[in-house]
Amino acid sequence: MMRTFPRPTERGSSEGGFTLIEMLVVLTIVALVAVVGAVTLQRKPGALTRQRAAIQVKAAALEARRQAMASGHPSSLDLSKVPAAKGALALKAAKGGVEPVLAFYPDGSSSGGTILFDERPLMRIDWLTGRINDVQS
């Protein structure tokens, strides 16, 4: 008598389990979550705050510049009204003073200067082009 093996469709519920592919996918996902968690925990909270401030300040500056160019009227960026950038100041090249406000003009130019956050440069805004350049920290 010849011995036969059950076909895959004939397996009973007692032969359940995971395939090697399923196990590898789950282990890969767990490893990725662990790596992301480790990287996040290694960052300093100050670095995250600075990064958040840079993103919000840049977005607000781009919007002020876009608004000035679209409306044909000067627009201002008040750094004191950007939530994550509390304490950020604009060091204006032209006046040489420190203020929380920058101006953008309809031709795309600006009052220019360097935006400081925690007394360190965060980004620079070119007075002629209005271009916003991130400062490497």
N, C-alpha and C. Protein backbone atom coordinates (compact mmCIF):
# COMPACT_ATOMS: atom_id res chain seq x y z
N MET A 1 0.83 -1.16 0.00
CA MET A 1 0.00 0.00 0.00
C MET A 1 0.89 1.24 0.00
N MET A 2 0.57 2.16 -0.88
CA MET A 2 1.36 3.37 -1.04
C MET A 2 0.85 4.44 -0.07
N ARG A 3 1.83 5.09 0.59
CA ARG A 3 1.46 6.11 1.56
C ARG A 3 1.22 7.43 0.83
N THR A 4 0.16 8.12 1.15
CA THR A 4 -0.16 9.41 0.53
C THR A 4 -0.09 10.50 1.58
N PHE A 5 0.29 11.69 1.12
CA PHE A 5 0.36 12.85 2.02
C PHE A 5 -0.83 13.74 1.73
N PRO A 6 -1.33 14.43 2.75
CA PRO A 6 -2.49 15.29 2.50
C PRO A 6 -2.13 16.46 1.60
N ARG A 7 -3.06 16.82 0.77
CA ARG A 7 -2.88 17.99 -0.09
C ARG A 7 -3.03 19.24 0.77
N PRO A 8 -2.48 20.37 0.28
CA PRO A 8 -2.58 21.61 1.08
C PRO A 8 -4.01 21.99 1.42
N THR A 9 -4.96 21.67 0.56
CA THR A 9 -6.35 22.04 0.83
C THR A 9 -6.99 21.08 1.82
N GLU A 10 -6.35 19.94 2.06
CA GLU A 10 -6.94 18.95 2.94
C GLU A 10 -6.38 19.02 4.36
N ARG A 11 -5.53 19.98 4.63
CA ARG A 11 -4.93 20.08 5.96
C ARG A 11 -6.00 20.34 7.01
N GLY A 12 -5.79 19.82 8.14
CA GLY A 12 -6.70 20.05 9.25
C GLY A 12 -6.29 21.28 10.02
N SER A 13 -7.11 21.69 10.97
CA SER A 13 -6.82 22.89 11.74
C SER A 13 -5.66 22.68 12.71
N SER A 14 -5.31 21.44 12.97
CA SER A 14 -4.21 21.16 13.90
C SER A 14 -2.84 21.43 13.27
N GLU A 15 -2.76 21.68 11.98
CA GLU A 15 -1.50 21.91 11.31
C GLU A 15 -1.29 23.39 11.00
N GLY A 16 -1.93 24.29 11.75
CA GLY A 16 -1.81 25.72 11.50
C GLY A 16 -0.45 26.24 11.93
N GLY A 17 -0.09 27.41 11.45
CA GLY A 17 1.18 28.02 11.80
C GLY A 17 1.50 29.16 10.86
N PHE A 18 2.69 29.70 11.01
CA PHE A 18 3.11 30.80 10.17
C PHE A 18 4.17 30.32 9.19
N THR A 19 4.16 30.90 8.03
CA THR A 19 5.19 30.57 7.06
C THR A 19 6.44 31.37 7.37
N LEU A 20 7.52 30.97 6.79
CA LEU A 20 8.79 31.66 6.99
C LEU A 20 8.69 33.11 6.50
N ILE A 21 8.04 33.33 5.39
CA ILE A 21 7.87 34.69 4.85
C ILE A 21 7.10 35.56 5.83
N GLU A 22 6.04 35.06 6.40
CA GLU A 22 5.25 35.84 7.36
C GLU A 22 6.10 36.22 8.58
N MET A 23 6.88 35.27 9.06
CA MET A 23 7.74 35.55 10.22
C MET A 23 8.79 36.60 9.88
N LEU A 24 9.39 36.53 8.69
CA LEU A 24 10.40 37.50 8.29
C LEU A 24 9.80 38.90 8.15
N VAL A 25 8.59 38.99 7.62
CA VAL A 25 7.93 40.29 7.47
C VAL A 25 7.68 40.90 8.85
N VAL A 26 7.18 40.11 9.78
CA VAL A 26 6.90 40.61 11.13
C VAL A 26 8.20 41.05 11.81
N LEU A 27 9.26 40.25 11.70
CA LEU A 27 10.53 40.61 12.32
C LEU A 27 11.12 41.88 11.71
N THR A 28 10.94 42.05 10.40
CA THR A 28 11.42 43.26 9.74
C THR A 28 10.68 44.49 10.26
N ILE A 29 9.38 44.40 10.39
CA ILE A 29 8.58 45.52 10.89
C ILE A 29 8.99 45.86 12.32
N VAL A 30 9.16 44.85 13.16
CA VAL A 30 9.57 45.09 14.56
C VAL A 30 10.94 45.76 14.60
N ALA A 31 11.87 45.32 13.74
CA ALA A 31 13.20 45.91 13.70
C ALA A 31 13.15 47.38 13.26
N LEU A 32 12.32 47.68 12.26
CA LEU A 32 12.19 49.07 11.81
C LEU A 32 11.62 49.97 12.90
N VAL A 33 10.62 49.49 13.61
CA VAL A 33 10.03 50.27 14.70
C VAL A 33 11.07 50.50 15.80
N ALA A 34 11.88 49.49 16.08
CA ALA A 34 12.91 49.64 17.11
C ALA A 34 13.97 50.66 16.69
N VAL A 35 14.37 50.64 15.44
CA VAL A 35 15.37 51.59 14.95
C VAL A 35 14.83 53.02 15.01
N VAL A 36 13.60 53.22 14.55
CA VAL A 36 13.00 54.56 14.59
C VAL A 36 12.88 55.05 16.03
N GLY A 37 12.47 54.17 16.93
CA GLY A 37 12.36 54.54 18.34
C GLY A 37 13.71 54.90 18.94
N ALA A 38 14.74 54.14 18.59
CA ALA A 38 16.07 54.41 19.13
C ALA A 38 16.61 55.74 18.63
N VAL A 39 16.41 56.02 17.35
CA VAL A 39 16.89 57.29 16.78
C VAL A 39 16.15 58.46 17.42
N THR A 40 14.86 58.32 17.60
CA THR A 40 14.07 59.39 18.21
C THR A 40 14.49 59.64 19.66
N LEU A 41 14.78 58.58 20.39
CA LEU A 41 15.17 58.75 21.79
C LEU A 41 16.58 59.33 21.92
N GLN A 42 17.42 59.13 20.92
CA GLN A 42 18.77 59.66 20.98
C GLN A 42 18.82 61.16 20.71
N ARG A 43 17.85 61.67 19.99
CA ARG A 43 17.84 63.11 19.69
C ARG A 43 17.60 63.89 20.97
N LYS A 44 18.22 65.03 21.01
CA LYS A 44 18.00 65.91 22.15
C LYS A 44 16.67 66.63 21.96
N PRO A 45 15.93 66.85 23.03
CA PRO A 45 14.66 67.57 22.89
C PRO A 45 14.85 68.97 22.29
N GLY A 46 15.98 69.60 22.58
CA GLY A 46 16.26 70.92 22.02
C GLY A 46 16.41 70.88 20.51
N ALA A 47 16.99 69.79 20.01
CA ALA A 47 17.15 69.65 18.56
C ALA A 47 15.80 69.51 17.88
N LEU A 48 14.89 68.78 18.52
CA LEU A 48 13.55 68.63 17.95
C LEU A 48 12.81 69.96 17.98
N THR A 49 12.98 70.72 19.05
CA THR A 49 12.34 72.03 19.15
C THR A 49 12.88 72.97 18.08
N ARG A 50 14.18 72.95 17.88
CA ARG A 50 14.81 73.80 16.86
C ARG A 50 14.34 73.40 15.46
N GLN A 51 14.25 72.10 15.22
CA GLN A 51 13.79 71.61 13.92
C GLN A 51 12.34 72.03 13.67
N ARG A 52 11.51 71.90 14.68
CA ARG A 52 10.10 72.30 14.56
C ARG A 52 9.99 73.81 14.30
N ALA A 53 10.81 74.58 15.00
CA ALA A 53 10.81 76.03 14.80
C ALA A 53 11.24 76.38 13.38
N ALA A 54 12.28 75.70 12.89
CA ALA A 54 12.76 75.98 11.54
C ALA A 54 11.69 75.70 10.50
N ILE A 55 10.98 74.60 10.65
CA ILE A 55 9.92 74.25 9.70
C ILE A 55 8.81 75.29 9.72
N GLN A 56 8.38 75.69 10.92
CA GLN A 56 7.27 76.64 11.01
C GLN A 56 7.68 78.05 10.56
N VAL A 57 8.90 78.47 10.89
CA VAL A 57 9.35 79.79 10.47
C VAL A 57 9.48 79.84 8.95
N LYS A 58 10.04 78.80 8.37
CA LYS A 58 10.21 78.77 6.92
C LYS A 58 8.86 78.79 6.21
N ALA A 59 7.90 78.03 6.72
CA ALA A 59 6.56 78.01 6.12
C ALA A 59 5.90 79.39 6.23
N ALA A 60 6.04 80.04 7.39
CA ALA A 60 5.45 81.36 7.57
C ALA A 60 6.13 82.39 6.67
N ALA A 61 7.45 82.30 6.51
CA ALA A 61 8.18 83.24 5.65
C ALA A 61 7.80 83.04 4.18
N LEU A 62 7.69 81.80 3.76
CA LEU A 62 7.29 81.54 2.37
C LEU A 62 5.87 82.06 2.10
N GLU A 63 5.00 81.90 3.08
CA GLU A 63 3.63 82.39 2.91
C GLU A 63 3.60 83.92 2.87
N ALA A 64 4.38 84.59 3.71
CA ALA A 64 4.42 86.05 3.69
C ALA A 64 4.97 86.56 2.36
N ARG A 65 6.00 85.90 1.85
CA ARG A 65 6.58 86.29 0.56
C ARG A 65 5.57 86.07 -0.58
N ARG A 66 4.91 84.92 -0.55
CA ARG A 66 3.91 84.61 -1.58
C ARG A 66 2.76 85.62 -1.54
N GLN A 67 2.34 85.98 -0.34
CA GLN A 67 1.24 86.93 -0.18
C GLN A 67 1.64 88.31 -0.72
N ALA A 68 2.86 88.74 -0.46
CA ALA A 68 3.32 90.04 -0.95
C ALA A 68 3.37 90.06 -2.48
N MET A 69 3.87 88.99 -3.06
CA MET A 69 3.98 88.93 -4.52
C MET A 69 2.60 88.83 -5.18
N ALA A 70 1.67 88.12 -4.55
CA ALA A 70 0.34 87.95 -5.13
C ALA A 70 -0.52 89.20 -5.00
N SER A 71 -0.39 89.90 -3.87
CA SER A 71 -1.24 91.06 -3.63
C SER A 71 -0.68 92.36 -4.21
N GLY A 72 0.64 92.41 -4.41
CA GLY A 72 1.26 93.64 -4.89
C GLY A 72 1.54 94.63 -3.78
N HIS A 73 1.35 94.20 -2.52
CA HIS A 73 1.59 95.06 -1.35
C HIS A 73 2.58 94.37 -0.42
N PRO A 74 3.39 95.14 0.28
CA PRO A 74 4.34 94.52 1.22
C PRO A 74 3.61 93.67 2.26
N SER A 75 4.28 92.64 2.69
CA SER A 75 3.74 91.74 3.70
C SER A 75 4.81 91.56 4.77
N SER A 76 4.39 91.30 5.99
CA SER A 76 5.38 91.13 7.05
C SER A 76 5.26 89.76 7.70
N LEU A 77 6.37 89.32 8.25
CA LEU A 77 6.43 88.08 9.01
C LEU A 77 6.77 88.46 10.44
N ASP A 78 5.82 88.25 11.32
CA ASP A 78 6.04 88.55 12.74
C ASP A 78 6.39 87.24 13.44
N LEU A 79 7.66 87.08 13.78
CA LEU A 79 8.13 85.83 14.38
C LEU A 79 7.51 85.56 15.74
N SER A 80 7.04 86.60 16.41
CA SER A 80 6.42 86.38 17.72
C SER A 80 5.07 85.67 17.59
N LYS A 81 4.53 85.60 16.37
CA LYS A 81 3.24 84.93 16.15
C LYS A 81 3.39 83.52 15.58
N VAL A 82 4.63 83.05 15.45
CA VAL A 82 4.87 81.68 15.00
C VAL A 82 5.01 80.83 16.27
N PRO A 83 4.05 79.89 16.50
CA PRO A 83 3.99 79.18 17.78
C PRO A 83 5.28 78.49 18.21
N ALA A 84 5.93 77.75 17.34
CA ALA A 84 7.11 76.98 17.74
C ALA A 84 8.36 77.85 17.83
N ALA A 85 8.28 79.10 17.39
CA ALA A 85 9.46 79.95 17.32
C ALA A 85 9.47 81.01 18.41
N LYS A 86 8.91 80.71 19.55
CA LYS A 86 8.92 81.68 20.64
C LYS A 86 10.37 82.03 20.97
N GLY A 87 10.67 83.29 20.97
CA GLY A 87 12.02 83.74 21.25
C GLY A 87 12.88 83.91 20.02
N ALA A 88 12.36 83.56 18.84
CA ALA A 88 13.15 83.73 17.62
C ALA A 88 13.17 85.21 17.26
N LEU A 89 14.32 85.69 16.82
CA LEU A 89 14.48 87.09 16.47
C LEU A 89 15.13 87.21 15.10
N ALA A 90 14.82 88.30 14.41
CA ALA A 90 15.42 88.56 13.11
C ALA A 90 16.51 89.60 13.28
N LEU A 91 17.71 89.23 12.97
CA LEU A 91 18.84 90.15 13.01
C LEU A 91 18.92 90.79 11.64
N LYS A 92 18.48 92.01 11.51
CA LYS A 92 18.40 92.67 10.21
C LYS A 92 19.73 93.28 9.83
N ALA A 93 20.15 92.96 8.62
CA ALA A 93 21.44 93.46 8.15
C ALA A 93 21.41 94.97 7.92
N ALA A 94 20.31 95.48 7.39
CA ALA A 94 20.24 96.89 7.01
C ALA A 94 20.22 97.80 8.24
N LYS A 95 19.36 97.50 9.20
CA LYS A 95 19.25 98.35 10.38
C LYS A 95 20.28 98.00 11.43
N GLY A 96 20.73 96.76 11.42
CA GLY A 96 21.68 96.33 12.44
C GLY A 96 21.01 96.05 13.77
N GLY A 97 19.69 96.09 13.81
CA GLY A 97 18.97 95.84 15.05
C GLY A 97 18.37 94.45 15.08
N VAL A 98 17.81 94.10 16.23
CA VAL A 98 17.16 92.81 16.41
C VAL A 98 15.68 93.06 16.64
N GLU A 99 14.86 92.49 15.77
CA GLU A 99 13.41 92.67 15.86
C GLU A 99 12.72 91.35 15.54
N PRO A 100 11.45 91.21 15.91
CA PRO A 100 10.74 89.97 15.57
C PRO A 100 10.02 90.04 14.22
N VAL A 101 10.22 91.11 13.44
CA VAL A 101 9.45 91.29 12.20
C VAL A 101 10.37 91.42 10.99
N LEU A 102 10.01 90.74 9.91
CA LEU A 102 10.69 90.87 8.62
C LEU A 102 9.66 91.30 7.59
N ALA A 103 10.09 92.05 6.60
CA ALA A 103 9.17 92.51 5.55
C ALA A 103 9.52 91.82 4.23
N PHE A 104 8.46 91.52 3.48
CA PHE A 104 8.61 90.99 2.12
C PHE A 104 7.89 91.95 1.18
N TYR A 105 8.48 92.17 0.00
CA TYR A 105 7.96 93.15 -0.93
C TYR A 105 7.42 92.48 -2.20
N PRO A 106 6.57 93.19 -2.95
CA PRO A 106 5.92 92.60 -4.13
C PRO A 106 6.89 92.08 -5.20
N ASP A 107 8.09 92.64 -5.28
CA ASP A 107 9.04 92.18 -6.29
C ASP A 107 9.79 90.92 -5.85
N GLY A 108 9.46 90.38 -4.67
CA GLY A 108 10.10 89.17 -4.16
C GLY A 108 11.23 89.43 -3.19
N SER A 109 11.67 90.68 -3.10
CA SER A 109 12.76 91.00 -2.18
C SER A 109 12.23 91.07 -0.74
N SER A 110 13.14 91.30 0.18
CA SER A 110 12.73 91.37 1.59
C SER A 110 13.63 92.36 2.32
N SER A 111 13.32 92.56 3.60
CA SER A 111 14.18 93.40 4.42
C SER A 111 15.48 92.66 4.73
N GLY A 112 15.47 91.35 4.58
CA GLY A 112 16.67 90.53 4.73
C GLY A 112 17.14 90.40 6.15
N GLY A 113 18.05 89.48 6.36
CA GLY A 113 18.63 89.30 7.68
C GLY A 113 18.75 87.84 8.05
N THR A 114 19.13 87.62 9.28
CA THR A 114 19.30 86.28 9.82
C THR A 114 18.30 86.08 10.94
N ILE A 115 17.63 84.95 10.93
CA ILE A 115 16.68 84.64 12.00
C ILE A 115 17.44 83.81 13.03
N LEU A 116 17.40 84.29 14.27
CA LEU A 116 18.08 83.62 15.37
C LEU A 116 17.07 82.84 16.19
N PHE A 117 17.49 81.67 16.66
CA PHE A 117 16.66 80.88 17.57
C PHE A 117 17.60 80.35 18.65
N ASP A 118 17.28 80.59 19.90
CA ASP A 118 18.17 80.25 21.02
C ASP A 118 19.56 80.86 20.83
N GLU A 119 19.56 82.09 20.33
CA GLU A 119 20.78 82.87 20.12
C GLU A 119 21.73 82.25 19.09
N ARG A 120 21.23 81.34 18.27
CA ARG A 120 22.02 80.74 17.19
C ARG A 120 21.29 80.95 15.88
N PRO A 121 22.01 81.15 14.78
CA PRO A 121 21.35 81.35 13.49
C PRO A 121 20.50 80.14 13.09
N LEU A 122 19.28 80.42 12.67
CA LEU A 122 18.35 79.37 12.24
C LEU A 122 18.25 79.35 10.72
N MET A 123 18.09 80.55 10.13
CA MET A 123 18.06 80.67 8.67
C MET A 123 18.37 82.10 8.27
N ARG A 124 18.74 82.24 7.02
CA ARG A 124 19.04 83.57 6.48
C ARG A 124 18.08 83.88 5.36
N ILE A 125 17.66 85.12 5.30
CA ILE A 125 16.77 85.57 4.23
C ILE A 125 17.51 86.64 3.44
N ASP A 126 17.69 86.38 2.16
CA ASP A 126 18.42 87.30 1.29
C ASP A 126 17.57 88.53 1.04
N TRP A 127 18.14 89.71 1.17
CA TRP A 127 17.37 90.95 1.00
C TRP A 127 17.01 91.19 -0.46
N LEU A 128 17.86 90.78 -1.38
CA LEU A 128 17.63 91.08 -2.79
C LEU A 128 16.60 90.13 -3.42
N THR A 129 16.76 88.84 -3.15
CA THR A 129 15.88 87.84 -3.78
C THR A 129 14.76 87.38 -2.88
N GLY A 130 14.89 87.58 -1.58
CA GLY A 130 13.90 87.08 -0.64
C GLY A 130 14.03 85.59 -0.40
N ARG A 131 15.07 84.97 -0.97
CA ARG A 131 15.27 83.52 -0.83
C ARG A 131 15.60 83.19 0.62
N ILE A 132 15.03 82.09 1.08
CA ILE A 132 15.21 81.65 2.46
C ILE A 132 16.19 80.48 2.46
N ASN A 133 17.30 80.65 3.17
CA ASN A 133 18.35 79.62 3.23
C ASN A 133 18.49 79.10 4.65
N ASP A 134 18.42 77.77 4.78
CA ASP A 134 18.61 77.15 6.09
C ASP A 134 20.08 77.25 6.48
N VAL A 135 20.32 77.39 7.78
CA VAL A 135 21.67 77.44 8.31
C VAL A 135 21.97 76.06 8.89
N GLN A 136 23.11 75.49 8.53
CA GLN A 136 23.48 74.18 9.07
C GLN A 136 23.79 74.35 10.55
N SER A 137 23.19 73.46 11.35
CA SER A 137 23.44 73.55 12.81
C SER A 137 24.30 72.44 13.30
